PDB file of N, CA and C in Angstrom:
ATOM      1  N   MET A   1      93.242 128.843 100.510  1.00  0.00           N
ATOM      2  CA  MET A   1      93.543 127.699  99.660  1.00  0.00           C
ATOM      3  C   MET A   1      93.998 126.505 100.489  1.00  0.00           C
ATOM      4  N   SER A   2      94.688 126.737 101.633  1.00  0.00           N
ATOM      5  CA  SER A   2      95.148 125.602 102.412  1.00  0.00           C
ATOM      6  C   SER A   2      93.990 124.777 102.937  1.00  0.00           C
ATOM      7  N   GLU A   3      92.827 125.433 103.142  1.00  0.00           N
ATOM      8  CA  GLU A   3      91.639 124.677 103.552  1.00  0.00           C
ATOM      9  C   GLU A   3      91.213 123.724 102.451  1.00  0.00           C
ATOM     10  N   ILE A   4      91.291 124.176 101.206  1.00  0.00           N
ATOM     11  CA  ILE A   4      90.952 123.311 100.071  1.00  0.00           C
ATOM     12  C   ILE A   4      91.939 122.147  99.991  1.00  0.00           C
ATOM     13  N   VAL A   5      93.216 122.437 100.186  1.00  0.00           N
ATOM     14  CA  VAL A   5      94.244 121.389 100.147  1.00  0.00           C
ATOM     15  C   VAL A   5      93.956 120.344 101.220  1.00  0.00           C
ATOM     16  N   GLU A   6      93.653 120.801 102.426  1.00  0.00           N
ATOM     17  CA  GLU A   6      93.395 119.882 103.537  1.00  0.00           C
ATOM     18  C   GLU A   6      92.156 119.023 103.271  1.00  0.00           C
ATOM     19  N   LYS A   7      91.083 119.622 102.778  1.00  0.00           N
ATOM     20  CA  LYS A   7      89.837 118.888 102.566  1.00  0.00           C
ATOM     21  C   LYS A   7      89.926 117.938 101.371  1.00  0.00           C
ATOM     22  N   SER A   8      90.644 118.343 100.328  1.00  0.00           N
ATOM     23  CA  SER A   8      90.690 117.536  99.104  1.00  0.00           C
ATOM     24  C   SER A   8      91.777 116.475  99.145  1.00  0.00           C
ATOM     25  N   GLY A   9      92.832 116.708  99.921  1.00  0.00           N
ATOM     26  CA  GLY A   9      93.962 115.798  99.920  1.00  0.00           C
ATOM     27  C   GLY A   9      94.914 116.058  98.762  1.00  0.00           C
ATOM     28  N   LEU A  10      94.608 117.078  97.971  1.00  0.00           N
ATOM     29  CA  LEU A  10      95.479 117.442  96.857  1.00  0.00           C
ATOM     30  C   LEU A  10      96.452 118.507  97.304  1.00  0.00           C
ATOM     31  N   ASN A  11      97.644 118.522  96.708  1.00  0.00           N
ATOM     32  CA  ASN A  11      98.609 119.567  97.056  1.00  0.00           C
ATOM     33  C   ASN A  11      98.422 120.776  96.124  1.00  0.00           C
ATOM     34  N   ASP A  12      99.154 121.854  96.394  1.00  0.00           N
ATOM     35  CA  ASP A  12      99.005 123.087  95.624  1.00  0.00           C
ATOM     36  C   ASP A  12      99.270 122.875  94.129  1.00  0.00           C
ATOM     37  N   VAL A  13     100.249 122.070  93.806  1.00  0.00           N
ATOM     38  CA  VAL A  13     100.561 121.825  92.395  1.00  0.00           C
ATOM     39  C   VAL A  13      99.409 121.095  91.715  1.00  0.00           C
ATOM     40  N   GLN A  14      98.874 120.097  92.377  1.00  0.00           N
ATOM     41  CA  GLN A  14      97.750 119.341  91.802  1.00  0.00           C
ATOM     42  C   GLN A  14      96.549 120.251  91.587  1.00  0.00           C
ATOM     43  N   LEU A  15      96.242 121.097  92.558  1.00  0.00           N
ATOM     44  CA  LEU A  15      95.125 122.027  92.406  1.00  0.00           C
ATOM     45  C   LEU A  15      95.380 122.998  91.260  1.00  0.00           C
ATOM     46  N   GLY A  16      96.625 123.475  91.161  1.00  0.00           N
ATOM     47  CA  GLY A  16      96.983 124.389  90.073  1.00  0.00           C
ATOM     48  C   GLY A  16      96.819 123.726  88.714  1.00  0.00           C
ATOM     49  N   LEU A  17      97.218 122.450  88.617  1.00  0.00           N
ATOM     50  CA  LEU A  17      97.053 121.728  87.354  1.00  0.00           C
ATOM     51  C   LEU A  17      95.578 121.548  87.015  1.00  0.00           C
ATOM     52  N   LEU A  18      94.777 121.268  88.013  1.00  0.00           N
ATOM     53  CA  LEU A  18      93.339 121.136  87.770  1.00  0.00           C
ATOM     54  C   LEU A  18      92.750 122.441  87.235  1.00  0.00           C
ATOM     55  N   ARG A  19      93.155 123.563  87.841  1.00  0.00           N
ATOM     56  CA  ARG A  19      92.662 124.852  87.359  1.00  0.00           C
ATOM     57  C   ARG A  19      93.174 125.145  85.954  1.00  0.00           C
ATOM     58  N   MET A  20      94.430 124.851  85.709  1.00  0.00           N
ATOM     59  CA  MET A  20      95.063 125.128  84.406  1.00  0.00           C
ATOM     60  C   MET A  20      94.389 124.343  83.289  1.00  0.00           C
ATOM     61  N   PHE A  21      93.986 123.125  83.572  1.00  0.00           N
ATOM     62  CA  PHE A  21      93.435 122.261  82.538  1.00  0.00           C
ATOM     63  C   PHE A  21      91.909 122.107  82.665  1.00  0.00           C
ATOM     64  N   ASN A  22      91.292 123.085  83.310  1.00  0.00           N
ATOM     65  CA  ASN A  22      89.845 123.091  83.442  1.00  0.00           C
ATOM     66  C   ASN A  22      89.209 123.656  82.161  1.00  0.00           C
ATOM     67  N   ARG A  23      89.374 122.925  81.082  1.00  0.00           N
ATOM     68  CA  ARG A  23      88.855 123.326  79.783  1.00  0.00           C
ATOM     69  C   ARG A  23      88.724 122.082  78.924  1.00  0.00           C
ATOM     70  N   LYS A  24      87.990 122.223  77.847  1.00  0.00           N
ATOM     71  CA  LYS A  24      87.882 121.105  76.910  1.00  0.00           C
ATOM     72  C   LYS A  24      89.262 120.837  76.318  1.00  0.00           C
ATOM     73  N   MET A  25      89.566 119.561  76.176  1.00  0.00           N
ATOM     74  CA  MET A  25      90.883 119.172  75.664  1.00  0.00           C
ATOM     75  C   MET A  25      90.667 117.952  74.776  1.00  0.00           C
ATOM     76  N   SER A  26      91.356 117.966  73.635  1.00  0.00           N
ATOM     77  CA  SER A  26      91.255 116.811  72.759  1.00  0.00           C
ATOM     78  C   SER A  26      92.009 115.623  73.360  1.00  0.00           C
ATOM     79  N   TYR A  27      91.709 114.468  72.852  1.00  0.00           N
ATOM     80  CA  TYR A  27      92.416 113.270  73.297  1.00  0.00           C
ATOM     81  C   TYR A  27      93.910 113.428  73.073  1.00  0.00           C
ATOM     82  N   ASP A  28      94.299 113.933  71.892  1.00  0.00           N
ATOM     83  CA  ASP A  28      95.718 114.113  71.581  1.00  0.00           C
ATOM     84  C   ASP A  28      96.399 115.078  72.550  1.00  0.00           C
ATOM     85  N   GLU A  29      95.688 116.152  72.910  1.00  0.00           N
ATOM     86  CA  GLU A  29      96.255 117.091  73.889  1.00  0.00           C
ATOM     87  C   GLU A  29      96.428 116.423  75.243  1.00  0.00           C
ATOM     88  N   SER A  30      95.437 115.656  75.658  1.00  0.00           N
ATOM     89  CA  SER A  30      95.556 114.994  76.963  1.00  0.00           C
ATOM     90  C   SER A  30      96.704 113.996  76.979  1.00  0.00           C
ATOM     91  N   VAL A  31      96.906 113.284  75.876  1.00  0.00           N
ATOM     92  CA  VAL A  31      98.034 112.362  75.769  1.00  0.00           C
ATOM     93  C   VAL A  31      99.351 113.121  75.835  1.00  0.00           C
ATOM     94  N   GLU A  32      99.403 114.263  75.150  1.00  0.00           N
ATOM     95  CA  GLU A  32     100.628 115.069  75.154  1.00  0.00           C
ATOM     96  C   GLU A  32     100.955 115.583  76.556  1.00  0.00           C
ATOM     97  N   VAL A  33      99.946 116.063  77.292  1.00  0.00           N
ATOM     98  CA  VAL A  33     100.170 116.522  78.664  1.00  0.00           C
ATOM     99  C   VAL A  33     100.606 115.364  79.550  1.00  0.00           C
ATOM    100  N   ARG A  34      99.944 114.217  79.413  1.00  0.00           N
ATOM    101  CA  ARG A  34     100.322 113.037  80.203  1.00  0.00           C
ATOM    102  C   ARG A  34     101.778 112.648  79.928  1.00  0.00           C
ATOM    103  N   ASP A  35     102.144 112.657  78.634  1.00  0.00           N
ATOM    104  CA  ASP A  35     103.524 112.307  78.265  1.00  0.00           C
ATOM    105  C   ASP A  35     104.535 113.300  78.814  1.00  0.00           C
ATOM    106  N   LEU A  36     104.185 114.591  78.800  1.00  0.00           N
ATOM    107  CA  LEU A  36     105.089 115.599  79.370  1.00  0.00           C
ATOM    108  C   LEU A  36     105.319 115.346  80.863  1.00  0.00           C
ATOM    109  N   LEU A  37     104.244 115.068  81.590  1.00  0.00           N
ATOM    110  CA  LEU A  37     104.384 114.790  83.026  1.00  0.00           C
ATOM    111  C   LEU A  37     105.158 113.499  83.265  1.00  0.00           C
ATOM    112  N   PHE A  38     104.851 112.481  82.456  1.00  0.00           N
ATOM    113  CA  PHE A  38     105.566 111.218  82.584  1.00  0.00           C
ATOM    114  C   PHE A  38     107.063 111.415  82.354  1.00  0.00           C
ATOM    115  N   ASN A  39     107.418 112.138  81.288  1.00  0.00           N
ATOM    116  CA  ASN A  39     108.833 112.377  80.978  1.00  0.00           C
ATOM    117  C   ASN A  39     109.505 113.198  82.081  1.00  0.00           C
ATOM    118  N   PHE A  40     108.809 114.186  82.617  1.00  0.00           N
ATOM    119  CA  PHE A  40     109.338 115.010  83.701  1.00  0.00           C
ATOM    120  C   PHE A  40     109.724 114.124  84.896  1.00  0.00           C
ATOM    121  N   TYR A  41     108.801 113.278  85.326  1.00  0.00           N
ATOM    122  CA  TYR A  41     109.056 112.447  86.494  1.00  0.00           C
ATOM    123  C   TYR A  41     110.005 111.295  86.210  1.00  0.00           C
ATOM    124  N   SER A  42     109.977 110.757  85.010  1.00  0.00           N
ATOM    125  CA  SER A  42     110.925 109.676  84.700  1.00  0.00           C
ATOM    126  C   SER A  42     112.340 110.242  84.662  1.00  0.00           C
ATOM    127  N   ASN A  43     112.524 111.452  84.170  1.00  0.00           N
ATOM    128  CA  ASN A  43     113.856 112.080  84.195  1.00  0.00           C
ATOM    129  C   ASN A  43     114.331 112.281  85.626  1.00  0.00           C
ATOM    130  N   LYS A  44     113.435 112.685  86.517  1.00  0.00           N
ATOM    131  CA  LYS A  44     113.809 112.846  87.926  1.00  0.00           C
ATOM    132  C   LYS A  44     114.253 111.503  88.526  1.00  0.00           C
ATOM    133  N   VAL A  45     113.529 110.426  88.201  1.00  0.00           N
ATOM    134  CA  VAL A  45     113.890 109.106  88.725  1.00  0.00           C
ATOM    135  C   VAL A  45     115.253 108.692  88.197  1.00  0.00           C
ATOM    136  N   PHE A  46     115.482 108.843  86.892  1.00  0.00           N
ATOM    137  CA  PHE A  46     116.782 108.460  86.313  1.00  0.00           C
ATOM    138  C   PHE A  46     117.906 109.299  86.900  1.00  0.00           C
ATOM    139  N   ASP A  47     117.676 110.584  87.133  1.00  0.00           N
ATOM    140  CA  ASP A  47     118.705 111.431  87.764  1.00  0.00           C
ATOM    141  C   ASP A  47     119.034 110.930  89.161  1.00  0.00           C
ATOM    142  N   GLU A  48     118.003 110.545  89.905  1.00  0.00           N
ATOM    143  CA  GLU A  48     118.220 110.050  91.264  1.00  0.00           C
ATOM    144  C   GLU A  48     118.980 108.717  91.244  1.00  0.00           C
ATOM    145  N   VAL A  49     118.616 107.837  90.324  1.00  0.00           N
ATOM    146  CA  VAL A  49     119.316 106.552  90.204  1.00  0.00           C
ATOM    147  C   VAL A  49     120.776 106.796  89.844  1.00  0.00           C
ATOM    148  N   ASP A  50     121.038 107.694  88.896  1.00  0.00           N
ATOM    149  CA  ASP A  50     122.417 108.015  88.517  1.00  0.00           C
ATOM    150  C   ASP A  50     123.214 108.531  89.717  1.00  0.00           C
ATOM    151  N   LYS A  51     122.570 109.370  90.538  1.00  0.00           N
ATOM    152  CA  LYS A  51     123.240 109.913  91.712  1.00  0.00           C
ATOM    153  C   LYS A  51     123.589 108.808  92.697  1.00  0.00           C
ATOM    154  N   ILE A  52     122.658 107.896  92.932  1.00  0.00           N
ATOM    155  CA  ILE A  52     122.890 106.804  93.866  1.00  0.00           C
ATOM    156  C   ILE A  52     123.968 105.854  93.346  1.00  0.00           C
ATOM    157  N   VAL A  53     123.923 105.551  92.047  1.00  0.00           N
ATOM    158  CA  VAL A  53     124.946 104.690  91.442  1.00  0.00           C
ATOM    159  C   VAL A  53     126.321 105.312  91.636  1.00  0.00           C
ATOM    160  N   GLU A  54     126.418 106.625  91.404  1.00  0.00           N
ATOM    161  CA  GLU A  54     127.705 107.299  91.583  1.00  0.00           C
ATOM    162  C   GLU A  54     128.139 107.293  93.046  1.00  0.00           C
ATOM    163  N   GLN A  55     127.220 107.571  93.966  1.00  0.00           N
ATOM    164  CA  GLN A  55     127.552 107.588  95.397  1.00  0.00           C
ATOM    165  C   GLN A  55     128.037 106.238  95.891  1.00  0.00           C
ATOM    166  N   LYS A  56     127.404 105.182  95.408  1.00  0.00           N
ATOM    167  CA  LYS A  56     127.748 103.833  95.862  1.00  0.00           C
ATOM    168  C   LYS A  56     128.882 103.210  95.053  1.00  0.00           C
ATOM    169  N   GLY A  57     129.313 103.889  93.991  1.00  0.00           N
ATOM    170  CA  GLY A  57     130.417 103.383  93.191  1.00  0.00           C
ATOM    171  C   GLY A  57     130.055 102.128  92.383  1.00  0.00           C
ATOM    172  N   ILE A  58     128.806 102.008  91.999  1.00  0.00           N
ATOM    173  CA  ILE A  58     128.364 100.862  91.220  1.00  0.00           C
ATOM    174  C   ILE A  58     128.921 100.967  89.811  1.00  0.00           C
ATOM    175  N   THR A  59     129.477  99.872  89.324  1.00  0.00           N
ATOM    176  CA  THR A  59     130.124  99.877  88.005  1.00  0.00           C
ATOM    177  C   THR A  59     129.369  98.953  87.043  1.00  0.00           C
ATOM    178  N   GLU A  60     129.750  99.023  85.793  1.00  0.00           N
ATOM    179  CA  GLU A  60     129.175  98.124  84.783  1.00  0.00           C
ATOM    180  C   GLU A  60     129.480  96.670  85.139  1.00  0.00           C
ATOM    181  N   ALA A  61     130.641  96.427  85.744  1.00  0.00           N
ATOM    182  CA  ALA A  61     130.995  95.066  86.179  1.00  0.00           C
ATOM    183  C   ALA A  61     129.994  94.551  87.222  1.00  0.00           C
ATOM    184  N   ASP A  62     129.532  95.426  88.106  1.00  0.00           N
ATOM    185  CA  ASP A  62     128.528  95.044  89.104  1.00  0.00           C
ATOM    186  C   ASP A  62     127.221  94.632  88.404  1.00  0.00           C
ATOM    187  N   TYR A  63     126.818  95.403  87.400  1.00  0.00           N
ATOM    188  CA  TYR A  63     125.603  95.057  86.648  1.00  0.00           C
ATOM    189  C   TYR A  63     125.777  93.735  85.918  1.00  0.00           C
ATOM    190  N   GLU A  64     126.947  93.528  85.341  1.00  0.00           N
ATOM    191  CA  GLU A  64     127.211  92.286  84.606  1.00  0.00           C
ATOM    192  C   GLU A  64     127.153  91.090  85.548  1.00  0.00           C
ATOM    193  N   LYS A  65     127.700  91.262  86.747  1.00  0.00           N
ATOM    194  CA  LYS A  65     127.667  90.179  87.740  1.00  0.00           C
ATOM    195  C   LYS A  65     126.220  89.832  88.098  1.00  0.00           C
ATOM    196  N   LEU A  66     125.383  90.855  88.279  1.00  0.00           N
ATOM    197  CA  LEU A  66     123.964  90.602  88.567  1.00  0.00           C
ATOM    198  C   LEU A  66     123.265  89.892  87.408  1.00  0.00           C
ATOM    199  N   ARG A  67     123.600  90.316  86.193  1.00  0.00           N
ATOM    200  CA  ARG A  67     122.974  89.691  85.013  1.00  0.00           C
ATOM    201  C   ARG A  67     123.317  88.211  84.895  1.00  0.00           C
ATOM    202  N   SER A  68     124.499  87.846  85.326  1.00  0.00           N
ATOM    203  CA  SER A  68     124.951  86.444  85.153  1.00  0.00           C
ATOM    204  C   SER A  68     124.509  85.539  86.302  1.00  0.00           C
ATOM    205  N   GLN A  69     124.015  86.126  87.389  1.00  0.00           N
ATOM    206  CA  GLN A  69     123.562  85.326  88.539  1.00  0.00           C
ATOM    207  C   GLN A  69     122.180  84.743  88.245  1.00  0.00           C
ATOM    208  N   ASP A  70     121.935  83.595  88.817  1.00  0.00           N
ATOM    209  CA  ASP A  70     120.605  82.976  88.746  1.00  0.00           C
ATOM    210  C   ASP A  70     119.719  83.731  89.742  1.00  0.00           C
ATOM    211  N   GLN A  71     118.700  84.378  89.218  1.00  0.00           N
ATOM    212  CA  GLN A  71     117.832  85.220  90.052  1.00  0.00           C
ATOM    213  C   GLN A  71     116.625  84.455  90.630  1.00  0.00           C
ATOM    214  N   ARG A  72     116.482  83.198  90.268  1.00  0.00           N
ATOM    215  CA  ARG A  72     115.351  82.429  90.783  1.00  0.00           C
ATOM    216  C   ARG A  72     115.595  82.015  92.228  1.00  0.00           C
ATOM    217  N   THR A  73     114.514  81.945  92.967  1.00  0.00           N
ATOM    218  CA  THR A  73     114.613  81.497  94.345  1.00  0.00           C
ATOM    219  C   THR A  73     114.074  80.094  94.443  1.00  0.00           C
ATOM    220  N   VAL A  74     114.592  79.344  95.394  1.00  0.00           N
ATOM    221  CA  VAL A  74     114.169  77.971  95.605  1.00  0.00           C
ATOM    222  C   VAL A  74     113.175  77.967  96.752  1.00  0.00           C
ATOM    223  N   ASN A  75     112.034  77.342  96.544  1.00  0.00           N
ATOM    224  CA  ASN A  75     111.012  77.255  97.595  1.00  0.00           C
ATOM    225  C   ASN A  75     111.121  75.987  98.359  1.00  0.00           C
TER     226      ASN A  75
END
């Protein structure tokens, strides 16, 4: 299988998903699978952001300060 991974550029998980979903699927099913994967990865991103915010001690006051700053740049 590692030869397939090397030649295709896909990792083991991607190949496994291709095998798992190698069947006819309705549009609704494909949307549901896409949403499941999207939610899985978005939860991972939010967990990582929460961890970084905690490590750096970022507070709501820091966010409020950013919101009130003029974010435009002068050219």
